[in-house]
């Protein structure tokens, strides 16, 4: 299992404008083969900070994800939405268990 965790930032005043593009991105990603989880979550205490959580079955699934047309559309929207300060990390994780 591979996880991508991190954050990106956009101007808080553009959150409503960004929501449709983020929704399209999340929905399309969740529909991809090999996607286990794909979540964007707005930080409650830091307006404009978005937390990203992704789980993928393997590197091939991530590679297909990065080559998908919805990724190109999402990246194309970044300038207009003011998205920046992207900080994502890839983790290779073992089995999970409930706490």
C-alpha atoms as a PDB file:
ATOM      1  CA  UNK A   1       0.000   0.000   0.000  1.00  0.00           C
ATOM      2  CA  UNK A   2       1.246   3.473  -0.867  1.00  0.00           C
ATOM      3  CA  UNK A   3       0.034   6.670   0.778  1.00  0.00           C
ATOM      4  CA  UNK A   4       0.385  10.253  -0.299  1.00  0.00           C
ATOM      5  CA  UNK A   5      -0.045  12.691   2.580  1.00  0.00           C
ATOM      6  CA  UNK A   6       0.422  16.416   2.723  1.00  0.00           C
ATOM      7  CA  UNK A   7      -1.063  19.815   2.081  1.00  0.00           C
ATOM      8  CA  UNK A   8      -1.527  22.538  -0.458  1.00  0.00           C
ATOM      9  CA  UNK A   9      -2.651  26.098   0.002  1.00  0.00           C
ATOM     10  CA  UNK A  10      -4.964  28.480  -1.799  1.00  0.00           C
ATOM     11  CA  UNK A  11      -6.232  31.931  -0.886  1.00  0.00           C
ATOM     12  CA  UNK A  12      -9.132  31.477   1.554  1.00  0.00           C
ATOM     13  CA  UNK A  13     -11.172  33.951  -0.499  1.00  0.00           C
ATOM     14  CA  UNK A  14     -10.963  31.532  -3.477  1.00  0.00           C
ATOM     15  CA  UNK A  15     -12.213  28.467  -1.586  1.00  0.00           C
ATOM     16  CA  UNK A  16     -15.729  28.669  -3.051  1.00  0.00           C
ATOM     17  CA  UNK A  17     -14.314  29.088  -6.561  1.00  0.00           C
ATOM     18  CA  UNK A  18     -11.958  26.127  -6.037  1.00  0.00           C
ATOM     19  CA  UNK A  19     -14.568  23.748  -4.638  1.00  0.00           C
ATOM     20  CA  UNK A  20     -15.979  22.584  -8.037  1.00  0.00           C
ATOM     21  CA  UNK A  21     -12.489  21.850  -9.414  1.00  0.00           C
ATOM     22  CA  UNK A  22     -11.519  20.029  -6.211  1.00  0.00           C
ATOM     23  CA  UNK A  23     -14.760  18.029  -6.304  1.00  0.00           C
ATOM     24  CA  UNK A  24     -14.123  16.945  -9.911  1.00  0.00           C
ATOM     25  CA  UNK A  25     -10.566  15.962  -9.021  1.00  0.00           C
ATOM     26  CA  UNK A  26     -11.553  13.919  -5.967  1.00  0.00           C
ATOM     27  CA  UNK A  27     -14.477  12.167  -7.665  1.00  0.00           C
ATOM     28  CA  UNK A  28     -12.443  11.249 -10.762  1.00  0.00           C
ATOM     29  CA  UNK A  29      -9.529  10.039  -8.630  1.00  0.00           C
ATOM     30  CA  UNK A  30     -11.769   7.902  -6.427  1.00  0.00           C
ATOM     31  CA  UNK A  31     -13.116   6.213  -9.573  1.00  0.00           C
ATOM     32  CA  UNK A  32      -9.631   5.202 -10.737  1.00  0.00           C
ATOM     33  CA  UNK A  33      -8.550   1.573 -10.603  1.00  0.00           C
ATOM     34  CA  UNK A  34      -6.157   1.147  -7.705  1.00  0.00           C
ATOM     35  CA  UNK A  35      -7.440   4.077  -5.647  1.00  0.00           C
ATOM     36  CA  UNK A  36      -8.330   3.001  -2.111  1.00  0.00           C
ATOM     37  CA  UNK A  37      -8.884   6.471  -0.638  1.00  0.00           C
ATOM     38  CA  UNK A  38      -8.686  10.049  -1.934  1.00  0.00           C
ATOM     39  CA  UNK A  39      -9.562  12.957   0.373  1.00  0.00           C
ATOM     40  CA  UNK A  40      -9.164  16.734   0.414  1.00  0.00           C
ATOM     41  CA  UNK A  41     -10.012  18.316   3.788  1.00  0.00           C
ATOM     42  CA  UNK A  42     -10.061  22.001   4.621  1.00  0.00           C
ATOM     43  CA  UNK A  43      -8.167  22.836   7.811  1.00  0.00           C
ATOM     44  CA  UNK A  44     -10.494  24.158  10.517  1.00  0.00           C
ATOM     45  CA  UNK A  45      -7.938  26.550  11.963  1.00  0.00           C
ATOM     46  CA  UNK A  46      -5.914  27.655   8.923  1.00  0.00           C
ATOM     47  CA  UNK A  47      -8.177  29.016   6.167  1.00  0.00           C
ATOM     48  CA  UNK A  48      -6.963  28.056   2.710  1.00  0.00           C
ATOM     49  CA  UNK A  49      -4.930  25.066   3.895  1.00  0.00           C
ATOM     50  CA  UNK A  50      -6.093  21.781   2.319  1.00  0.00           C
ATOM     51  CA  UNK A  51      -4.979  18.436   3.726  1.00  0.00           C
ATOM     52  CA  UNK A  52      -4.520  15.613   1.216  1.00  0.00           C
ATOM     53  CA  UNK A  53      -4.824  11.903   2.002  1.00  0.00           C
ATOM     54  CA  UNK A  54      -4.462   9.314  -0.751  1.00  0.00           C
ATOM     55  CA  UNK A  55      -4.096   5.526  -0.602  1.00  0.00           C
ATOM     56  CA  UNK A  56      -3.146   3.499  -3.676  1.00  0.00           C
ATOM     57  CA  UNK A  57      -2.643  -0.225  -4.185  1.00  0.00           C
ATOM     58  CA  UNK A  58       0.723   0.184  -5.943  1.00  0.00           C
ATOM     59  CA  UNK A  59       3.046   2.475  -7.900  1.00  0.00           C
ATOM     60  CA  UNK A  60       1.399   1.549 -11.223  1.00  0.00           C
ATOM     61  CA  UNK A  61      -1.897   2.954  -9.925  1.00  0.00           C
ATOM     62  CA  UNK A  62      -0.180   6.192  -8.897  1.00  0.00           C
ATOM     63  CA  UNK A  63       1.558   6.435 -12.278  1.00  0.00           C
ATOM     64  CA  UNK A  64      -1.802   6.030 -14.069  1.00  0.00           C
ATOM     65  CA  UNK A  65      -3.282   8.649 -11.749  1.00  0.00           C
ATOM     66  CA  UNK A  66      -0.601  11.207 -12.586  1.00  0.00           C
ATOM     67  CA  UNK A  67      -1.117  10.545 -16.319  1.00  0.00           C
ATOM     68  CA  UNK A  68      -4.927  10.911 -16.117  1.00  0.00           C
ATOM     69  CA  UNK A  69      -6.684  13.736 -17.944  1.00  0.00           C
ATOM     70  CA  UNK A  70      -8.334  15.016 -14.748  1.00  0.00           C
ATOM     71  CA  UNK A  71      -4.843  15.571 -13.298  1.00  0.00           C
ATOM     72  CA  UNK A  72      -3.938  17.795 -16.240  1.00  0.00           C
ATOM     73  CA  UNK A  73      -7.223  19.693 -15.829  1.00  0.00           C
ATOM     74  CA  UNK A  74      -6.571  20.109 -12.090  1.00  0.00           C
ATOM     75  CA  UNK A  75      -3.008  21.344 -12.604  1.00  0.00           C
ATOM     76  CA  UNK A  76      -4.266  23.733 -15.292  1.00  0.00           C
ATOM     77  CA  UNK A  77      -6.613  25.364 -12.757  1.00  0.00           C
ATOM     78  CA  UNK A  78      -3.902  26.071 -10.176  1.00  0.00           C
ATOM     79  CA  UNK A  79      -2.821  29.475 -11.481  1.00  0.00           C
ATOM     80  CA  UNK A  80      -6.344  30.926 -11.619  1.00  0.00           C
ATOM     81  CA  UNK A  81      -7.160  29.535  -8.186  1.00  0.00           C
ATOM     82  CA  UNK A  82      -3.889  30.686  -6.632  1.00  0.00           C
ATOM     83  CA  UNK A  83      -2.940  27.159  -5.549  1.00  0.00           C
ATOM     84  CA  UNK A  84       0.597  26.836  -4.279  1.00  0.00           C
ATOM     85  CA  UNK A  85       2.740  25.854  -1.321  1.00  0.00           C
ATOM     86  CA  UNK A  86       2.245  22.196  -2.235  1.00  0.00           C
ATOM     87  CA  UNK A  87       3.858  19.797   0.219  1.00  0.00           C
ATOM     88  CA  UNK A  88       3.085  16.135  -0.515  1.00  0.00           C
ATOM     89  CA  UNK A  89       5.044  13.039   0.516  1.00  0.00           C
ATOM     90  CA  UNK A  90       4.785   9.424  -0.679  1.00  0.00           C
ATOM     91  CA  UNK A  91       4.935   6.679   1.957  1.00  0.00           C
ATOM     92  CA  UNK A  92       5.245   2.937   1.497  1.00  0.00           C
ATOM     93  CA  UNK A  93       3.119   1.475   4.300  1.00  0.00           C
ATOM     94  CA  UNK A  94       2.513  -2.007   5.633  1.00  0.00           C
ATOM     95  CA  UNK A  95      -0.666  -3.571   6.883  1.00  0.00           C
ATOM     96  CA  UNK A  96      -3.130  -1.480   8.835  1.00  0.00           C
ATOM     97  CA  UNK A  97      -5.142  -2.407  11.903  1.00  0.00           C
ATOM     98  CA  UNK A  98      -7.951  -0.701  13.788  1.00  0.00           C
ATOM     99  CA  UNK A  99      -7.030   1.245  16.900  1.00  0.00           C
END
